[in-house]
Amino acid sequence: MADKNSIRDAENSVRDLKNWIFVLAKEHGLPQDALDELHKRVDEVAVKIGKIK
């Protein structure tokens, strides 16, 4: 069984990454399709983290 604090830390890191991507995209004019793809990939990681028991 995985350590719950480690999972929580990983989930928090994913949220931080999503926020960072949003700010980066806004500051540097990242195209919407690239932003969408990045968020899609981060969401895939988040789902995998959520399945850790």
Protein backbone atom coordinates (compact mmCIF):
# COMPACT_ATOMS: atom_id res chain seq x y z
CA MET A 1 0.00 0.00 0.00
CA ALA A 2 1.29 3.46 -0.93
CA ASP A 3 1.89 6.15 1.65
CA LYS A 4 -1.16 8.48 1.65
CA ASN A 5 1.02 11.55 2.27
CA SER A 6 3.13 10.71 -0.77
CA ILE A 7 0.02 10.34 -2.91
CA ARG A 8 -1.35 13.63 -1.61
CA ASP A 9 1.98 15.31 -2.37
CA ALA A 10 1.90 13.89 -5.91
CA GLU A 11 -1.67 15.13 -6.42
CA ASN A 12 -0.66 18.58 -5.18
CA SER A 13 2.29 18.58 -7.56
CA VAL A 14 0.00 17.75 -10.48
CA ARG A 15 -2.27 20.68 -9.56
CA ASP A 16 0.77 22.95 -9.31
CA LEU A 17 1.95 21.76 -12.72
CA LYS A 18 -1.45 22.47 -14.29
CA ASN A 19 -1.39 25.99 -12.82
CA TRP A 20 2.16 26.54 -14.04
CA ILE A 21 1.22 25.39 -17.56
CA PHE A 22 -1.69 27.83 -17.59
CA VAL A 23 0.52 30.76 -16.51
CA LEU A 24 3.27 29.79 -18.94
CA ALA A 25 0.79 29.59 -21.79
CA LYS A 26 -0.67 32.97 -20.95
CA GLU A 27 2.71 34.69 -20.56
CA HIS A 28 4.22 33.21 -23.72
CA GLY A 29 1.19 33.02 -25.98
CA LEU A 30 1.13 29.24 -26.22
CA PRO A 31 -1.45 28.15 -28.81
CA GLN A 32 -4.70 26.80 -27.36
CA ASP A 33 -4.23 23.38 -29.00
CA ALA A 34 -0.82 23.01 -27.34
CA LEU A 35 -2.28 24.07 -23.99
CA ASP A 36 -5.10 21.57 -24.38
CA GLU A 37 -2.66 18.76 -25.19
CA LEU A 38 -0.46 19.56 -22.19
CA HIS A 39 -3.46 19.57 -19.87
CA LYS A 40 -4.68 16.30 -21.39
CA ARG A 41 -1.32 14.66 -20.67
CA VAL A 42 -1.19 15.99 -17.12
CA ASP A 43 -4.75 14.76 -16.55
CA GLU A 44 -3.65 11.27 -17.66
CA VAL A 45 -0.94 11.33 -14.98
CA ALA A 46 -3.46 12.54 -12.41
CA VAL A 47 -5.77 9.61 -13.19
CA LYS A 48 -2.90 7.17 -12.75
CA ILE A 49 -1.98 8.75 -9.42
CA GLY A 50 -5.60 8.52 -8.34
CA LYS A 51 -5.58 4.76 -8.97
CA ILE A 52 -2.69 4.16 -6.57
CA LYS A 53 -3.96 2.32 -3.53
